[in-house]
Each structure stands twice: as structure tokens, then as C-alpha cells.
Amino acid sequence: MSRGVQYCVTLSVPWSSDFEVKIHYDSNHDGYASDWECVGSGTNGTGQAEYVYSTAHHTGRYHIEAYSYSGRGNYTIRVKRNY
């Protein structure tokens, strides 16, 4: 991601599942996800898509984490740069 640019991360989920999404920044540039700083998250309810808007404060490596809070199934992640 590039510094100063706003991004929208969308997580589309199955109607009967509750998934969550987080955006992490590799603040110490070591590549180890356990040390990354959370810069945005979405926690909508069951069957609802998650939308996370985040402006990158630094140019660098970001990680998008998606996980099931409840339920299971296929999901889709989209990252869009907002102009």
C-alpha cells in the first residue's frame, strides 16, 4: 500500500456465517505477521459483508487477515484503491 492513499477492503461472506477481517501493517519491516500493527478491522454480523476503510500512513507491506467467527464457507476479499 502507498502512503496517503485510502483503501477499501471488502470481505463477502456466506449468508449463514460470520467472518471478520483485519488489516495489519508490518511496522518493524521484519515480515513476521505476529508483530504487525492492526490498522483497521470489520466486525459486522452473520451474513453481512465486512467493509474496512483505511488510509495508509506508510508505504510498505500490509497483511489482510480473514477468519471465521462462526460458520464456514467460501469468501471473497477485494481491495480497492479510493481516489
Protein backbone atom coordinates (compact mmCIF):
# COMPACT_ATOMS: atom_id res chain seq x y z
CA MET A 1 0.00 0.00 0.00
CA SER A 2 1.13 3.54 -0.64
CA ARG A 3 1.33 6.29 1.96
CA GLY A 4 -1.59 8.74 1.95
CA VAL A 5 -3.85 6.57 -0.19
CA GLN A 6 -7.19 5.33 1.17
CA TYR A 7 -8.09 1.70 0.51
CA CYS A 8 -11.32 -0.22 0.97
CA VAL A 9 -11.11 -3.90 1.84
CA THR A 10 -14.35 -5.81 1.27
CA LEU A 11 -14.94 -9.31 2.62
CA SER A 12 -18.01 -11.04 1.13
CA VAL A 13 -19.22 -13.97 3.22
CA PRO A 14 -21.74 -16.84 3.11
CA TRP A 15 -25.24 -15.83 4.28
CA SER A 16 -25.11 -18.18 7.31
CA SER A 17 -21.58 -17.34 8.52
CA ASP A 18 -19.94 -14.54 10.48
CA PHE A 19 -16.44 -13.75 9.22
CA GLU A 20 -14.14 -10.95 10.34
CA VAL A 21 -11.39 -9.05 8.51
CA LYS A 22 -8.35 -7.11 9.75
CA ILE A 23 -5.64 -5.06 8.06
CA HIS A 24 -2.15 -5.22 9.57
CA TYR A 25 0.97 -3.13 8.79
CA ASP A 26 4.49 -4.57 9.04
CA SER A 27 5.71 -1.67 11.21
CA ASN A 28 9.12 -3.17 12.02
CA HIS A 29 9.70 -4.50 8.47
CA ASP A 30 10.65 -7.99 9.64
CA GLY A 31 7.99 -9.97 7.74
CA TYR A 32 6.66 -11.71 10.88
CA ALA A 33 2.89 -11.27 10.98
CA SER A 34 2.71 -11.75 14.77
CA ASP A 35 4.47 -8.39 15.21
CA TRP A 36 2.32 -6.42 12.77
CA GLU A 37 0.21 -3.45 13.86
CA CYS A 38 -3.57 -3.64 13.31
CA VAL A 39 -4.67 -0.56 11.31
CA GLY A 40 -8.30 -1.49 10.58
CA SER A 41 -10.95 -4.13 11.21
CA GLY A 42 -14.51 -5.05 10.35
CA THR A 43 -16.84 -6.94 12.67
CA ASN A 44 -20.33 -7.00 11.14
CA GLY A 45 -22.79 -9.76 11.99
CA THR A 46 -23.85 -13.03 10.41
CA GLY A 47 -24.21 -12.98 6.64
CA GLN A 48 -23.08 -9.36 6.35
CA ALA A 49 -20.15 -8.24 4.21
CA GLU A 50 -17.29 -6.53 6.01
CA TYR A 51 -16.01 -3.15 4.78
CA VAL A 52 -12.80 -1.65 6.14
CA TYR A 53 -11.60 1.76 5.00
CA SER A 54 -8.01 2.57 5.85
CA THR A 55 -5.60 5.31 4.79
CA ALA A 56 -2.04 4.03 4.61
CA HIS A 57 0.19 6.08 6.91
CA HIS A 58 3.29 4.39 5.50
CA THR A 59 4.28 2.84 2.20
CA GLY A 60 5.04 -0.81 2.78
CA ARG A 61 3.80 -4.30 3.34
CA TYR A 62 0.30 -4.83 4.69
CA HIS A 63 -1.44 -8.11 5.52
CA ILE A 64 -5.17 -8.79 5.22
CA GLU A 65 -6.44 -11.37 7.69
CA ALA A 66 -9.84 -13.03 7.24
CA TYR A 67 -11.19 -15.56 9.68
CA SER A 68 -14.44 -17.21 10.70
CA TYR A 69 -16.04 -16.03 13.93
CA SER A 70 -18.81 -18.57 13.33
CA GLY A 71 -19.83 -20.78 10.44
CA ARG A 72 -17.84 -21.70 7.39
CA GLY A 73 -17.81 -21.43 3.63
CA ASN A 74 -16.20 -19.62 0.75
CA TYR A 75 -15.44 -15.93 0.91
CA THR A 76 -14.10 -13.23 -1.38
CA ILE A 77 -11.71 -10.41 -0.49
CA ARG A 78 -11.45 -7.31 -2.66
CA VAL A 79 -9.02 -4.44 -2.19
CA LYS A 80 -9.90 -1.18 -3.91
CA ARG A 81 -7.86 1.97 -4.01
CA ASN A 82 -10.08 5.03 -3.43
CA TYR A 83 -9.09 8.07 -5.46
